[in-house]
Amino acid sequence: MRNLVSLRHLHFDDPKLVPAEVRLLTRIQTLPFFVVGPNHMVEELGCLNEQRGALKICKLEQVRDKEEAEKAKLCEKRMNKLVFEWSDNGNNSVNSEDALEGLQPHPDIRSLTIKGYCGEYFPSWMSTLQLNNLTVLTLNGCSKSRQLPTLGCLPRLKILHITGMPSLKCIGNEFYSSSGSAEVLFPALKELTLSSMDGLEEWMVPGGEGDQVFPCLEKLCIEGCGKLKSIPICHPSSLVHFVIRKCDELRYLCGEFHGFTSLRILMIINCEKLASIPSVQHSTALVELIIWNCPELISIPGDFQ
């Protein structure tokens, strides 16, 4: 394959099929996988100047430091979708942080997934308004991360999935904004998922005068947050689908449902200590209400006509 120097598109489903001399395919535009290891250094991606579309980079634990990661020159490639994946073997938190810092994508990136990341903190480029075109962000299995990046001011972020972060104890103000002024936070977000957050104890939402949080949110799913005792009800009239599942310590929902005029589906499942929920009588669009295995919830306020 080394002689196919004009090859532009290469499609395969198995990461093991990455060509041995991929660095010679300098005209390539489509390459679905790249596996870092003995046969491939991450700097080989720097030779693929015309790389576009989607790319999944596997075994990033093999990247030694920031300088090595920067040689991939991802910030110069107009990718639509990137997946960064670390495996369990030899995953070191310091190396992970350095590597991810050096893997800064192009500002035009639309979809980003970070999977198996072992660093305690996320890179600076995630919190400095350098991802203004990002629409989908997935943080999956970032087991040692103690703090979320600042994402509230990303103007086009529509889908945010955060799952498998047991070391995170609090979702605080740093998640929303780096400035103290009143503003619209998560202005385009439509779908938010918090799942398998075993250590999460507190979820805070800015309550300052003039703040608007999640003004376009349509779907909210909170699942497997075993230590979370309360969930703030600050979500807008746009919310359509609200699911709470397997939150063992959840005792109440803060706020009221009276502004949830578009809410159609409300599901509360396996929340054994939940003792009360707000009245849903003004949610005239409600068509499906499921409450399952919530033995402390002895009354359901609302007019369900």
C-alpha atoms as a PDB file:
ATOM      1  CA  MET A   1       0.000   0.000   0.000  1.00  0.00           C
ATOM      2  CA  ARG A   2       3.000   2.303   0.368  1.00  0.00           C
ATOM      3  CA  ASN A   3       2.888   2.974  -3.386  1.00  0.00           C
ATOM      4  CA  LEU A   4      -0.672   4.338  -3.265  1.00  0.00           C
ATOM      5  CA  VAL A   5       0.567   7.831  -2.545  1.00  0.00           C
ATOM      6  CA  SER A   6      -2.506   9.438  -4.155  1.00  0.00           C
ATOM      7  CA  LEU A   7      -5.032   7.391  -2.168  1.00  0.00           C
ATOM      8  CA  ARG A   8      -7.634   9.702  -0.638  1.00  0.00           C
ATOM      9  CA  HIS A   9     -10.206   7.486   1.096  1.00  0.00           C
ATOM     10  CA  LEU A  10      -9.578   4.323   3.099  1.00  0.00           C
ATOM     11  CA  HIS A  11     -12.462   2.562   4.874  1.00  0.00           C
ATOM     12  CA  PHE A  12     -12.186  -0.331   7.363  1.00  0.00           C
ATOM     13  CA  ASP A  13     -13.985  -1.425  10.557  1.00  0.00           C
ATOM     14  CA  ASP A  14     -11.165  -3.010  12.565  1.00  0.00           C
ATOM     15  CA  PRO A  15      -8.450  -0.829  14.167  1.00  0.00           C
ATOM     16  CA  LYS A  16      -6.002  -3.691  13.593  1.00  0.00           C
ATOM     17  CA  LEU A  17      -6.163  -2.984   9.862  1.00  0.00           C
ATOM     18  CA  VAL A  18      -4.348   0.345  10.044  1.00  0.00           C
ATOM     19  CA  PRO A  19      -1.767   0.224   7.213  1.00  0.00           C
ATOM     20  CA  ALA A  20       1.776  -0.411   8.384  1.00  0.00           C
ATOM     21  CA  GLU A  21       3.173   2.632   6.562  1.00  0.00           C
ATOM     22  CA  VAL A  22       0.220   4.977   6.898  1.00  0.00           C
ATOM     23  CA  ARG A  23       2.543   7.978   7.140  1.00  0.00           C
ATOM     24  CA  LEU A  24       3.303   7.570   3.431  1.00  0.00           C
ATOM     25  CA  LEU A  25      -0.337   8.091   2.450  1.00  0.00           C
ATOM     26  CA  THR A  26       0.090  11.849   2.515  1.00  0.00           C
ATOM     27  CA  ARG A  27      -2.979  12.562   0.361  1.00  0.00           C
ATOM     28  CA  ILE A  28      -5.357  10.552   2.517  1.00  0.00           C
ATOM     29  CA  GLN A  29      -8.560  12.348   3.550  1.00  0.00           C
ATOM     30  CA  THR A  30     -10.520   9.494   5.149  1.00  0.00           C
ATOM     31  CA  LEU A  31      -8.870   7.256   7.756  1.00  0.00           C
ATOM     32  CA  PRO A  32     -11.301   5.903  10.387  1.00  0.00           C
ATOM     33  CA  PHE A  33      -8.793   4.541  12.944  1.00  0.00           C
ATOM     34  CA  PHE A  34      -5.282   5.106  14.161  1.00  0.00           C
ATOM     35  CA  VAL A  35      -3.750   2.887  16.856  1.00  0.00           C
ATOM     36  CA  VAL A  36      -0.743   4.204  18.787  1.00  0.00           C
ATOM     37  CA  GLY A  37       1.788   1.534  19.653  1.00  0.00           C
ATOM     38  CA  PRO A  38       5.033  -0.137  18.631  1.00  0.00           C
ATOM     39  CA  ASN A  39       4.104   0.028  14.954  1.00  0.00           C
ATOM     40  CA  HIS A  40       2.673   3.536  14.883  1.00  0.00           C
ATOM     41  CA  MET A  41       3.817   6.719  16.594  1.00  0.00           C
ATOM     42  CA  VAL A  42       1.177   9.416  17.016  1.00  0.00           C
ATOM     43  CA  GLU A  43       3.428  11.849  15.142  1.00  0.00           C
ATOM     44  CA  GLU A  44       2.698   9.899  11.936  1.00  0.00           C
ATOM     45  CA  LEU A  45      -0.669  11.675  11.859  1.00  0.00           C
ATOM     46  CA  GLY A  46       1.246  14.905  11.325  1.00  0.00           C
ATOM     47  CA  CYS A  47       2.164  13.700   7.822  1.00  0.00           C
ATOM     48  CA  LEU A  48      -1.495  13.376   6.815  1.00  0.00           C
ATOM     49  CA  ASN A  49      -2.058  17.022   5.987  1.00  0.00           C
ATOM     50  CA  GLU A  50      -5.348  16.470   4.138  1.00  0.00           C
ATOM     51  CA  GLN A  51      -7.045  14.343   6.822  1.00  0.00           C
ATOM     52  CA  ARG A  52     -10.770  15.183   7.116  1.00  0.00           C
ATOM     53  CA  GLY A  53     -14.001  13.601   8.334  1.00  0.00           C
ATOM     54  CA  ALA A  54     -13.928  11.353  11.427  1.00  0.00           C
ATOM     55  CA  LEU A  55     -11.000   9.722  13.214  1.00  0.00           C
ATOM     56  CA  LYS A  56     -10.697   7.498  16.285  1.00  0.00           C
ATOM     57  CA  ILE A  57      -7.276   7.420  17.930  1.00  0.00           C
ATOM     58  CA  CYS A  58      -6.807   4.361  20.170  1.00  0.00           C
ATOM     59  CA  LYS A  59      -4.305   3.419  22.894  1.00  0.00           C
ATOM     60  CA  LEU A  60      -3.352   6.960  23.756  1.00  0.00           C
ATOM     61  CA  GLU A  61      -1.639   5.695  26.914  1.00  0.00           C
ATOM     62  CA  GLN A  62       1.280   5.019  24.564  1.00  0.00           C
ATOM     63  CA  VAL A  63       1.815   8.772  24.049  1.00  0.00           C
ATOM     64  CA  ARG A  64       4.623   9.927  26.369  1.00  0.00           C
ATOM     65  CA  ASP A  65       4.006  13.665  26.716  1.00  0.00           C
ATOM     66  CA  LYS A  66       2.513  16.853  25.321  1.00  0.00           C
ATOM     67  CA  GLU A  67       5.357  17.430  22.864  1.00  0.00           C
ATOM     68  CA  GLU A  68       4.856  14.029  21.278  1.00  0.00           C
ATOM     69  CA  ALA A  69       1.088  14.560  21.035  1.00  0.00           C
ATOM     70  CA  GLU A  70       1.508  17.969  19.392  1.00  0.00           C
ATOM     71  CA  LYS A  71       3.380  16.326  16.506  1.00  0.00           C
ATOM     72  CA  ALA A  72       0.047  14.839  15.352  1.00  0.00           C
ATOM     73  CA  LYS A  73      -0.891  18.421  14.350  1.00  0.00           C
ATOM     74  CA  LEU A  74      -4.581  17.858  15.025  1.00  0.00           C
ATOM     75  CA  CYS A  75      -5.113  21.584  15.496  1.00  0.00           C
ATOM     76  CA  GLU A  76      -4.299  22.019  11.802  1.00  0.00           C
ATOM     77  CA  LYS A  77      -6.742  19.378  10.523  1.00  0.00           C
ATOM     78  CA  ARG A  78     -10.371  20.343   9.845  1.00  0.00           C
ATOM     79  CA  MET A  79     -11.923  17.195  11.315  1.00  0.00           C
ATOM     80  CA  ASN A  80     -15.661  16.831  11.840  1.00  0.00           C
ATOM     81  CA  LYS A  81     -15.410  14.167  14.548  1.00  0.00           C
ATOM     82  CA  LEU A  82     -12.644  12.963  16.849  1.00  0.00           C
ATOM     83  CA  VAL A  83     -12.594  10.105  19.364  1.00  0.00           C
ATOM     84  CA  PHE A  84      -9.735   9.952  21.860  1.00  0.00           C
ATOM     85  CA  GLU A  85      -9.487   6.560  23.583  1.00  0.00           C
ATOM     86  CA  TRP A  86      -7.249   5.304  26.350  1.00  0.00           C
ATOM     87  CA  SER A  87      -7.132   1.630  27.317  1.00  0.00           C
ATOM     88  CA  ASP A  88      -6.574   0.292  30.833  1.00  0.00           C
ATOM     89  CA  ASN A  89      -3.065  -0.967  30.248  1.00  0.00           C
ATOM     90  CA  GLY A  90      -0.449   1.349  31.719  1.00  0.00           C
ATOM     91  CA  ASN A  91      -2.767   4.352  31.873  1.00  0.00           C
ATOM     92  CA  ASN A  92      -0.979   7.066  33.858  1.00  0.00           C
ATOM     93  CA  SER A  93      -2.778  10.236  34.977  1.00  0.00           C
ATOM     94  CA  VAL A  94       0.161  12.596  34.364  1.00  0.00           C
ATOM     95  CA  ASN A  95       0.872  11.201  30.897  1.00  0.00           C
ATOM     96  CA  SER A  96      -2.834  11.309  30.084  1.00  0.00           C
ATOM     97  CA  GLU A  97      -3.125  14.992  30.978  1.00  0.00           C
ATOM     98  CA  ASP A  98      -0.024  15.898  28.983  1.00  0.00           C
ATOM     99  CA  ALA A  99      -1.137  13.880  25.973  1.00  0.00           C
ATOM    100  CA  LEU A 100      -4.646  15.323  25.890  1.00  0.00           C
ATOM    101  CA  GLU A 101      -3.287  18.856  26.245  1.00  0.00           C
ATOM    102  CA  GLY A 102      -1.183  18.262  23.130  1.00  0.00           C
ATOM    103  CA  LEU A 103      -4.060  16.761  21.139  1.00  0.00           C
ATOM    104  CA  GLN A 104      -5.931  20.046  20.814  1.00  0.00           C
ATOM    105  CA  PRO A 105      -8.285  19.728  17.825  1.00  0.00           C
ATOM    106  CA  HIS A 106      -9.049  22.275  15.140  1.00  0.00           C
ATOM    107  CA  PRO A 107     -11.532  24.978  16.276  1.00  0.00           C
ATOM    108  CA  ASP A 108     -14.039  23.729  13.668  1.00  0.00           C
ATOM    109  CA  ILE A 109     -14.456  20.308  15.353  1.00  0.00           C
ATOM    110  CA  ARG A 110     -18.143  19.328  15.553  1.00  0.00           C
ATOM    111  CA  SER A 111     -18.116  16.133  17.641  1.00  0.00           C
ATOM    112  CA  LEU A 112     -15.618  15.093  20.326  1.00  0.00           C
ATOM    113  CA  THR A 113     -15.502  11.940  22.467  1.00  0.00           C
ATOM    114  CA  ILE A 114     -12.982  11.386  25.266  1.00  0.00           C
ATOM    115  CA  LYS A 115     -13.051   7.788  26.505  1.00  0.00           C
ATOM    116  CA  GLY A 116     -11.031   6.124  29.251  1.00  0.00           C
ATOM    117  CA  TYR A 117      -9.110   9.302  30.070  1.00  0.00           C
ATOM    118  CA  CYS A 118      -7.156   8.887  33.318  1.00  0.00           C
ATOM    119  CA  GLY A 119      -6.235  12.498  34.073  1.00  0.00           C
ATOM    120  CA  GLU A 120      -7.607  14.369  37.079  1.00  0.00           C
ATOM    121  CA  TYR A 121      -8.232  17.548  35.093  1.00  0.00           C
ATOM    122  CA  PHE A 122      -9.239  18.325  31.533  1.00  0.00           C
ATOM    123  CA  PRO A 123      -7.013  20.356  29.185  1.00  0.00           C
ATOM    124  CA  SER A 124      -7.041  24.127  29.052  1.00  0.00           C
ATOM    125  CA  TRP A 125      -8.279  24.183  25.455  1.00  0.00           C
ATOM    126  CA  MET A 126     -11.638  22.736  26.549  1.00  0.00           C
ATOM    127  CA  SER A 127     -12.370  25.755  28.750  1.00  0.00           C
ATOM    128  CA  THR A 128     -11.087  28.694  26.739  1.00  0.00           C
ATOM    129  CA  LEU A 129     -13.778  29.137  24.097  1.00  0.00           C
ATOM    130  CA  GLN A 130     -11.695  27.421  21.421  1.00  0.00           C
ATOM    131  CA  LEU A 131     -14.437  24.916  20.518  1.00  0.00           C
ATOM    132  CA  ASN A 132     -17.142  27.319  19.389  1.00  0.00           C
ATOM    133  CA  ASN A 133     -18.441  24.986  16.665  1.00  0.00           C
ATOM    134  CA  LEU A 134     -18.663  21.898  18.883  1.00  0.00           C
ATOM    135  CA  THR A 135     -22.169  20.412  18.871  1.00  0.00           C
ATOM    136  CA  VAL A 136     -21.646  16.966  20.505  1.00  0.00           C
ATOM    137  CA  LEU A 137     -19.412  16.176  23.484  1.00  0.00           C
ATOM    138  CA  THR A 138     -19.107  12.786  25.214  1.00  0.00           C
ATOM    139  CA  LEU A 139     -16.973  12.185  28.315  1.00  0.00           C
ATOM    140  CA  ASN A 140     -16.969   8.430  28.964  1.00  0.00           C
ATOM    141  CA  GLY A 141     -15.074   6.531  31.627  1.00  0.00           C
ATOM    142  CA  CYS A 142     -12.889   9.395  32.818  1.00  0.00           C
ATOM    143  CA  SER A 143     -12.481   7.596  36.111  1.00  0.00           C
ATOM    144  CA  LYS A 144     -10.024   9.924  37.903  1.00  0.00           C
ATOM    145  CA  SER A 145     -11.361  13.296  36.747  1.00  0.00           C
ATOM    146  CA  ARG A 146     -12.290  15.475  39.718  1.00  0.00           C
ATOM    147  CA  GLN A 147     -13.590  18.526  37.903  1.00  0.00           C
ATOM    148  CA  LEU A 148     -15.548  19.135  34.709  1.00  0.00           C
ATOM    149  CA  PRO A 149     -14.288  21.573  32.090  1.00  0.00           C
ATOM    150  CA  THR A 150     -16.042  24.920  31.674  1.00  0.00           C
ATOM    151  CA  LEU A 151     -18.593  24.333  28.932  1.00  0.00           C
ATOM    152  CA  GLY A 152     -21.500  26.673  29.619  1.00  0.00           C
ATOM    153  CA  CYS A 153     -20.453  29.329  27.118  1.00  0.00           C
ATOM    154  CA  LEU A 154     -20.016  27.025  24.115  1.00  0.00           C
ATOM    155  CA  PRO A 155     -22.533  28.590  21.718  1.00  0.00           C
ATOM    156  CA  ARG A 156     -23.413  25.525  19.577  1.00  0.00           C
ATOM    157  CA  LEU A 157     -23.161  22.603  22.016  1.00  0.00           C
ATOM    158  CA  LYS A 158     -26.389  20.594  21.608  1.00  0.00           C
ATOM    159  CA  ILE A 159     -25.646  17.161  23.104  1.00  0.00           C
ATOM    160  CA  LEU A 160     -23.607  16.525  26.256  1.00  0.00           C
ATOM    161  CA  HIS A 161     -23.156  13.013  27.668  1.00  0.00           C
ATOM    162  CA  ILE A 162     -21.107  12.533  30.841  1.00  0.00           C
ATOM    163  CA  THR A 163     -20.797   8.970  32.091  1.00  0.00           C
ATOM    164  CA  GLY A 164     -18.460   6.939  34.293  1.00  0.00           C
ATOM    165  CA  MET A 165     -16.817   9.659  36.384  1.00  0.00           C
ATOM    166  CA  PRO A 166     -16.830   8.229  39.943  1.00  0.00           C
ATOM    167  CA  SER A 167     -14.238  10.711  41.293  1.00  0.00           C
ATOM    168  CA  LEU A 168     -16.368  13.781  40.565  1.00  0.00           C
ATOM    169  CA  LYS A 169     -18.058  14.959  43.785  1.00  0.00           C
ATOM    170  CA  CYS A 170     -19.589  18.268  42.757  1.00  0.00           C
ATOM    171  CA  ILE A 171     -20.881  19.966  39.634  1.00  0.00           C
ATOM    172  CA  GLY A 172     -20.131  23.560  40.550  1.00  0.00           C
ATOM    173  CA  ASN A 173     -19.847  27.015  39.057  1.00  0.00           C
ATOM    174  CA  GLU A 174     -16.702  26.150  37.108  1.00  0.00           C
ATOM    175  CA  PHE A 175     -18.837  23.899  34.880  1.00  0.00           C
ATOM    176  CA  TYR A 176     -20.955  26.821  33.723  1.00  0.00           C
ATOM    177  CA  SER A 177     -18.814  29.897  33.258  1.00  0.00           C
ATOM    178  CA  SER A 178     -15.386  31.344  33.929  1.00  0.00           C
ATOM    179  CA  SER A 179     -16.827  34.866  34.311  1.00  0.00           C
ATOM    180  CA  GLY A 180     -18.958  36.195  37.130  1.00  0.00           C
ATOM    181  CA  SER A 181     -21.322  38.223  34.959  1.00  0.00           C
ATOM    182  CA  ALA A 182     -24.924  37.250  34.229  1.00  0.00           C
ATOM    183  CA  GLU A 183     -25.271  35.413  30.948  1.00  0.00           C
ATOM    184  CA  VAL A 184     -27.022  32.663  29.014  1.00  0.00           C
ATOM    185  CA  LEU A 185     -25.372  29.354  29.912  1.00  0.00           C
ATOM    186  CA  PHE A 186     -25.502  26.334  27.619  1.00  0.00           C
ATOM    187  CA  PRO A 187     -27.539  28.421  25.157  1.00  0.00           C
ATOM    188  CA  ALA A 188     -28.034  25.648  22.539  1.00  0.00           C
ATOM    189  CA  LEU A 189     -27.966  22.475  24.670  1.00  0.00           C
ATOM    190  CA  LYS A 190     -30.859  20.117  23.909  1.00  0.00           C
ATOM    191  CA  GLU A 191     -29.772  16.848  25.532  1.00  0.00           C
ATOM    192  CA  LEU A 192     -27.923  16.310  28.832  1.00  0.00           C
ATOM    193  CA  THR A 193     -27.045  12.915  30.321  1.00  0.00           C
ATOM    194  CA  LEU A 194     -25.332  12.282  33.664  1.00  0.00           C
ATOM    195  CA  SER A 195     -24.742   8.554  34.148  1.00  0.00           C
ATOM    196  CA  SER A 196     -22.682   6.318  36.464  1.00  0.00           C
ATOM    197  CA  MET A 197     -21.469   9.205  38.595  1.00  0.00           C
ATOM    198  CA  ASP A 198     -21.028   7.163  41.760  1.00  0.00           C
ATOM    199  CA  GLY A 199     -19.245   9.897  43.737  1.00  0.00           C
ATOM    200  CA  LEU A 200     -21.454  12.842  42.762  1.00  0.00           C
ATOM    201  CA  GLU A 201     -22.877  14.396  45.936  1.00  0.00           C
ATOM    202  CA  GLU A 202     -23.910  17.886  44.854  1.00  0.00           C
ATOM    203  CA  TRP A 203     -25.194  19.508  41.689  1.00  0.00           C
ATOM    204  CA  MET A 204     -25.211  23.283  41.766  1.00  0.00           C
ATOM    205  CA  VAL A 205     -26.874  25.634  39.271  1.00  0.00           C
ATOM    206  CA  PRO A 206     -26.095  29.365  39.046  1.00  0.00           C
ATOM    207  CA  GLY A 207     -28.881  31.423  40.563  1.00  0.00           C
ATOM    208  CA  GLY A 208     -27.636  34.933  39.937  1.00  0.00           C
ATOM    209  CA  GLU A 209     -29.876  37.684  38.683  1.00  0.00           C
ATOM    210  CA  GLY A 210     -30.077  37.585  34.904  1.00  0.00           C
ATOM    211  CA  ASP A 211     -28.635  34.072  34.574  1.00  0.00           C
ATOM    212  CA  GLN A 212     -30.354  31.725  32.137  1.00  0.00           C
ATOM    213  CA  VAL A 213     -29.339  28.070  32.305  1.00  0.00           C
ATOM    214  CA  PHE A 214     -30.236  25.405  29.727  1.00  0.00           C
ATOM    215  CA  PRO A 215     -32.843  27.568  27.928  1.00  0.00           C
ATOM    216  CA  CYS A 216     -33.271  25.033  25.068  1.00  0.00           C
ATOM    217  CA  LEU A 217     -32.953  21.757  26.987  1.00  0.00           C
ATOM    218  CA  GLU A 218     -35.366  19.061  25.734  1.00  0.00           C
ATOM    219  CA  LYS A 219     -34.060  15.826  27.261  1.00  0.00           C
ATOM    220  CA  LEU A 220     -32.510  15.334  30.706  1.00  0.00           C
ATOM    221  CA  CYS A 221     -31.392  11.897  31.947  1.00  0.00           C
ATOM    222  CA  ILE A 222     -29.821  11.343  35.369  1.00  0.00           C
ATOM    223  CA  GLU A 223     -28.887   7.736  36.066  1.00  0.00           C
ATOM    224  CA  GLY A 224     -26.663   5.896  38.531  1.00  0.00           C
ATOM    225  CA  CYS A 225     -25.796   8.909  40.692  1.00  0.00           C
ATOM    226  CA  GLY A 226     -25.964   6.996  43.953  1.00  0.00           C
ATOM    227  CA  LYS A 227     -24.885   9.783  46.367  1.00  0.00           C
ATOM    228  CA  LEU A 228     -26.820  12.651  44.836  1.00  0.00           C
ATOM    229  CA  LYS A 229     -29.435  13.810  47.371  1.00  0.00           C
ATOM    230  CA  SER A 230     -31.175  16.528  45.384  1.00  0.00           C
ATOM    231  CA  ILE A 231     -31.638  17.595  41.771  1.00  0.00           C
ATOM    232  CA  PRO A 232     -32.143  21.263  40.916  1.00  0.00           C
ATOM    233  CA  ILE A 233     -35.291  21.999  38.917  1.00  0.00           C
ATOM    234  CA  CYS A 234     -34.120  25.000  36.931  1.00  0.00           C
ATOM    235  CA  HIS A 235     -34.915  23.681  33.511  1.00  0.00           C
ATOM    236  CA  PRO A 236     -37.075  25.529  31.018  1.00  0.00           C
ATOM    237  CA  SER A 237     -40.437  25.178  29.393  1.00  0.00           C
ATOM    238  CA  SER A 238     -38.645  23.457  26.493  1.00  0.00           C
ATOM    239  CA  LEU A 239     -38.012  20.234  28.499  1.00  0.00           C
ATOM    240  CA  VAL A 240     -39.887  17.297  26.928  1.00  0.00           C
ATOM    241  CA  HIS A 241     -38.258  14.148  28.372  1.00  0.00           C
ATOM    242  CA  PHE A 242     -37.087  13.909  32.017  1.00  0.00           C
ATOM    243  CA  VAL A 243     -35.662  10.611  33.369  1.00  0.00           C
ATOM    244  CA  ILE A 244     -34.251   9.885  36.836  1.00  0.00           C
ATOM    245  CA  ARG A 245     -33.049   6.331  37.474  1.00  0.00           C
ATOM    246  CA  LYS A 246     -31.036   4.517  40.157  1.00  0.00           C
ATOM    247  CA  CYS A 247     -30.275   7.490  42.396  1.00  0.00           C
ATOM    248  CA  ASP A 248     -30.185   5.678  45.753  1.00  0.00           C
ATOM    249  CA  GLU A 249     -29.804   8.739  48.025  1.00  0.00           C
ATOM    250  CA  LEU A 250     -32.080  11.104  46.127  1.00  0.00           C
ATOM    251  CA  ARG A 251     -34.587  12.588  48.586  1.00  0.00           C
ATOM    252  CA  TYR A 252     -36.203  15.505  46.764  1.00  0.00           C
ATOM    253  CA  LEU A 253     -36.232  17.654  43.651  1.00  0.00           C
ATOM    254  CA  CYS A 254     -35.476  21.338  44.246  1.00  0.00           C
ATOM    255  CA  GLY A 255     -37.929  23.768  42.683  1.00  0.00           C
ATOM    256  CA  GLU A 256     -41.225  23.433  40.848  1.00  0.00           C
ATOM    257  CA  PHE A 257     -42.545  21.900  37.652  1.00  0.00           C
ATOM    258  CA  HIS A 258     -44.974  24.739  37.001  1.00  0.00           C
ATOM    259  CA  GLY A 259     -42.965  26.156  34.096  1.00  0.00           C
ATOM    260  CA  PHE A 260     -42.602  22.796  32.341  1.00  0.00           C
ATOM    261  CA  THR A 261     -45.375  23.348  29.830  1.00  0.00           C
ATOM    262  CA  SER A 262     -43.760  21.057  27.219  1.00  0.00           C
ATOM    263  CA  LEU A 263     -42.982  18.115  29.518  1.00  0.00           C
ATOM    264  CA  ARG A 264     -44.415  14.945  27.948  1.00  0.00           C
ATOM    265  CA  ILE A 265     -42.488  12.108  29.632  1.00  0.00           C
ATOM    266  CA  LEU A 266     -41.520  11.950  33.319  1.00  0.00           C
ATOM    267  CA  MET A 267     -39.836   8.755  34.552  1.00  0.00           C
ATOM    268  CA  ILE A 268     -38.569   8.183  38.110  1.00  0.00           C
ATOM    269  CA  ILE A 269     -37.247   4.647  38.656  1.00  0.00           C
ATOM    270  CA  ASN A 270     -35.420   2.947  41.557  1.00  0.00           C
ATOM    271  CA  CYS A 271     -35.065   6.005  43.793  1.00  0.00           C
ATOM    272  CA  GLU A 272     -35.829   4.322  47.101  1.00  0.00           C
ATOM    273  CA  LYS A 273     -35.380   7.379  49.357  1.00  0.00           C
ATOM    274  CA  LEU A 274     -37.250   9.894  47.231  1.00  0.00           C
ATOM    275  CA  ALA A 275     -39.982  11.271  49.514  1.00  0.00           C
ATOM    276  CA  SER A 276     -41.573  14.020  47.418  1.00  0.00           C
ATOM    277  CA  ILE A 277     -41.788  15.504  43.948  1.00  0.00           C
ATOM    278  CA  PRO A 278     -43.145  18.899  42.877  1.00  0.00           C
ATOM    279  CA  SER A 279     -46.673  19.226  41.545  1.00  0.00           C
ATOM    280  CA  VAL A 280     -47.002  18.515  37.839  1.00  0.00           C
ATOM    281  CA  GLN A 281     -50.484  19.967  37.472  1.00  0.00           C
ATOM    282  CA  HIS A 282     -49.395  22.761  35.131  1.00  0.00           C
ATOM    283  CA  SER A 283     -47.521  20.442  32.793  1.00  0.00           C
ATOM    284  CA  THR A 284     -50.458  20.151  30.440  1.00  0.00           C
ATOM    285  CA  ALA A 285     -48.430  18.293  27.792  1.00  0.00           C
ATOM    286  CA  LEU A 286     -47.669  15.325  30.102  1.00  0.00           C
ATOM    287  CA  VAL A 287     -48.676  12.062  28.406  1.00  0.00           C
ATOM    288  CA  GLU A 288     -46.489   9.504  30.221  1.00  0.00           C
ATOM    289  CA  LEU A 289     -45.722   9.319  33.954  1.00  0.00           C
ATOM    290  CA  ILE A 290     -43.746   6.328  35.260  1.00  0.00           C
ATOM    291  CA  ILE A 291     -42.813   5.957  38.918  1.00  0.00           C
ATOM    292  CA  TRP A 292     -41.279   2.603  39.849  1.00  0.00           C
ATOM    293  CA  ASN A 293     -39.729   1.309  43.081  1.00  0.00           C
ATOM    294  CA  CYS A 294     -39.915   4.575  45.031  1.00  0.00           C
ATOM    295  CA  PRO A 295     -41.357   3.251  48.326  1.00  0.00           C
ATOM    296  CA  GLU A 296     -40.976   6.530  50.270  1.00  0.00           C
ATOM    297  CA  LEU A 297     -43.025   8.465  47.737  1.00  0.00           C
ATOM    298  CA  ILE A 298     -46.459   8.157  49.336  1.00  0.00           C
ATOM    299  CA  SER A 299     -48.231  10.925  47.399  1.00  0.00           C
ATOM    300  CA  ILE A 300     -48.007  12.407  43.909  1.00  0.00           C
ATOM    301  CA  PRO A 301     -49.209  16.011  43.843  1.00  0.00           C
ATOM    302  CA  GLY A 302     -50.924  17.348  40.756  1.00  0.00           C
ATOM    303  CA  ASP A 303     -54.002  17.443  38.605  1.00  0.00           C
ATOM    304  CA  PHE A 304     -53.738  14.685  36.011  1.00  0.00           C
ATOM    305  CA  GLN A 305     -56.937  15.403  34.103  1.00  0.00           C
END
